[in-house]
Each structure stands twice: as C-alpha cells, then as structure tokens.
C-alpha cells in the first residue's frame, strides 16, 4: 500500500528525517509526505509520530499502486 499525508505548513529537512520511509514535497504551504505503508501497525505508527511531533495531518489518503 502507498499513502499520502498532507501536513499543515512546511516542515524542515531535519523533521522530515524522522520519516525516512516517506518522500516529501512542499506544495502551496503544505508538506506532502508519501510512500509505502507496510501494514496497519505501520500506518498507526506513522500517525503516532506525526502526533508526537505536533504535526497536523490535514489529509491522508491511500494512493493507487
């Protein structure tokens, strides 16, 4: 499975390194992080990382394979 996470604001390169499995791009003042998600536990782990870093996920969607 592949997912895209749209995060409010621009995140620094250092902060993006907390998500080594995801690629990132900045679009219109938001940061898109996208990449493979192995299973449901991995998905919840990513969401927990976003929350622990106070990053607001404004949209999350599964991408076509």
C-alpha atoms as a PDB file:
ATOM      1  CA  UNK A   1       0.000   0.000   0.000  1.00  0.00           C
ATOM      2  CA  UNK A   2       1.080   3.561  -0.634  1.00  0.00           C
ATOM      3  CA  UNK A   3      -0.203   6.551   1.334  1.00  0.00           C
ATOM      4  CA  UNK A   4      -0.011  10.320   1.106  1.00  0.00           C
ATOM      5  CA  UNK A   5      -0.107  12.527   4.192  1.00  0.00           C
ATOM      6  CA  UNK A   6      -0.773  16.252   3.771  1.00  0.00           C
ATOM      7  CA  UNK A   7       0.704  18.150   6.714  1.00  0.00           C
ATOM      8  CA  UNK A   8      -0.093  21.760   7.564  1.00  0.00           C
ATOM      9  CA  UNK A   9       2.863  24.069   6.923  1.00  0.00           C
ATOM     10  CA  UNK A  10       6.364  23.400   5.719  1.00  0.00           C
ATOM     11  CA  UNK A  11       8.465  21.016   7.731  1.00  0.00           C
ATOM     12  CA  UNK A  12      12.227  21.245   7.999  1.00  0.00           C
ATOM     13  CA  UNK A  13      14.567  18.716   6.452  1.00  0.00           C
ATOM     14  CA  UNK A  14      15.589  17.629   9.967  1.00  0.00           C
ATOM     15  CA  UNK A  15      11.978  16.955  10.894  1.00  0.00           C
ATOM     16  CA  UNK A  16      11.374  15.113   7.610  1.00  0.00           C
ATOM     17  CA  UNK A  17      14.243  12.757   8.522  1.00  0.00           C
ATOM     18  CA  UNK A  18      12.009  11.351  11.266  1.00  0.00           C
ATOM     19  CA  UNK A  19      10.077   9.742   8.383  1.00  0.00           C
ATOM     20  CA  UNK A  20      12.872   8.030   6.386  1.00  0.00           C
ATOM     21  CA  UNK A  21      10.427   5.725   4.614  1.00  0.00           C
ATOM     22  CA  UNK A  22       8.497   8.657   3.121  1.00  0.00           C
ATOM     23  CA  UNK A  23       9.406  11.099   0.358  1.00  0.00           C
ATOM     24  CA  UNK A  24       8.377  14.713   0.719  1.00  0.00           C
ATOM     25  CA  UNK A  25       7.432  17.694  -1.390  1.00  0.00           C
ATOM     26  CA  UNK A  26       6.124  21.144  -0.414  1.00  0.00           C
ATOM     27  CA  UNK A  27       3.003  22.351  -2.216  1.00  0.00           C
ATOM     28  CA  UNK A  28       1.188  25.633  -1.507  1.00  0.00           C
ATOM     29  CA  UNK A  29       2.374  25.997   2.057  1.00  0.00           C
ATOM     30  CA  UNK A  30       1.764  22.365   2.944  1.00  0.00           C
ATOM     31  CA  UNK A  31       4.080  19.388   3.050  1.00  0.00           C
ATOM     32  CA  UNK A  32       3.151  16.149   1.312  1.00  0.00           C
ATOM     33  CA  UNK A  33       4.782  13.019   2.665  1.00  0.00           C
ATOM     34  CA  UNK A  34       4.187   9.890   0.621  1.00  0.00           C
ATOM     35  CA  UNK A  35       5.422   6.365   0.296  1.00  0.00           C
ATOM     36  CA  UNK A  36       4.861   2.725   1.152  1.00  0.00           C
ATOM     37  CA  UNK A  37       2.989   1.658   4.263  1.00  0.00           C
ATOM     38  CA  UNK A  38       3.581  -1.990   5.071  1.00  0.00           C
ATOM     39  CA  UNK A  39       0.550  -2.736   7.217  1.00  0.00           C
ATOM     40  CA  UNK A  40      -1.959  -1.248   9.629  1.00  0.00           C
ATOM     41  CA  UNK A  41       0.550  -1.193  12.510  1.00  0.00           C
ATOM     42  CA  UNK A  42       2.971   0.821  10.361  1.00  0.00           C
ATOM     43  CA  UNK A  43       0.177   3.260   9.462  1.00  0.00           C
ATOM     44  CA  UNK A  44      -0.727   3.815  13.115  1.00  0.00           C
ATOM     45  CA  UNK A  45       2.964   4.200  13.952  1.00  0.00           C
ATOM     46  CA  UNK A  46       3.314   6.950  11.347  1.00  0.00           C
ATOM     47  CA  UNK A  47       0.238   8.727  12.704  1.00  0.00           C
ATOM     48  CA  UNK A  48       1.657   8.488  16.229  1.00  0.00           C
ATOM     49  CA  UNK A  49       4.925  10.063  15.007  1.00  0.00           C
ATOM     50  CA  UNK A  50       3.009  12.938  13.396  1.00  0.00           C
ATOM     51  CA  UNK A  51       1.099  13.479  16.629  1.00  0.00           C
ATOM     52  CA  UNK A  52       4.171  13.287  18.882  1.00  0.00           C
ATOM     53  CA  UNK A  53       5.865  15.957  16.744  1.00  0.00           C
ATOM     54  CA  UNK A  54       2.737  18.176  16.836  1.00  0.00           C
ATOM     55  CA  UNK A  55       2.337  17.935  13.074  1.00  0.00           C
ATOM     56  CA  UNK A  56      -1.249  18.434  11.963  1.00  0.00           C
ATOM     57  CA  UNK A  57      -2.260  15.958   9.251  1.00  0.00           C
ATOM     58  CA  UNK A  58      -4.968  17.730   7.255  1.00  0.00           C
ATOM     59  CA  UNK A  59      -5.481  14.899   4.765  1.00  0.00           C
ATOM     60  CA  UNK A  60      -4.488  11.267   4.493  1.00  0.00           C
ATOM     61  CA  UNK A  61      -5.271   9.040   1.549  1.00  0.00           C
ATOM     62  CA  UNK A  62      -4.302   5.716   0.094  1.00  0.00           C
ATOM     63  CA  UNK A  63      -2.663   6.040  -3.316  1.00  0.00           C
ATOM     64  CA  UNK A  64      -3.231   3.606  -6.176  1.00  0.00           C
ATOM     65  CA  UNK A  65      -0.480   1.003  -6.527  1.00  0.00           C
END
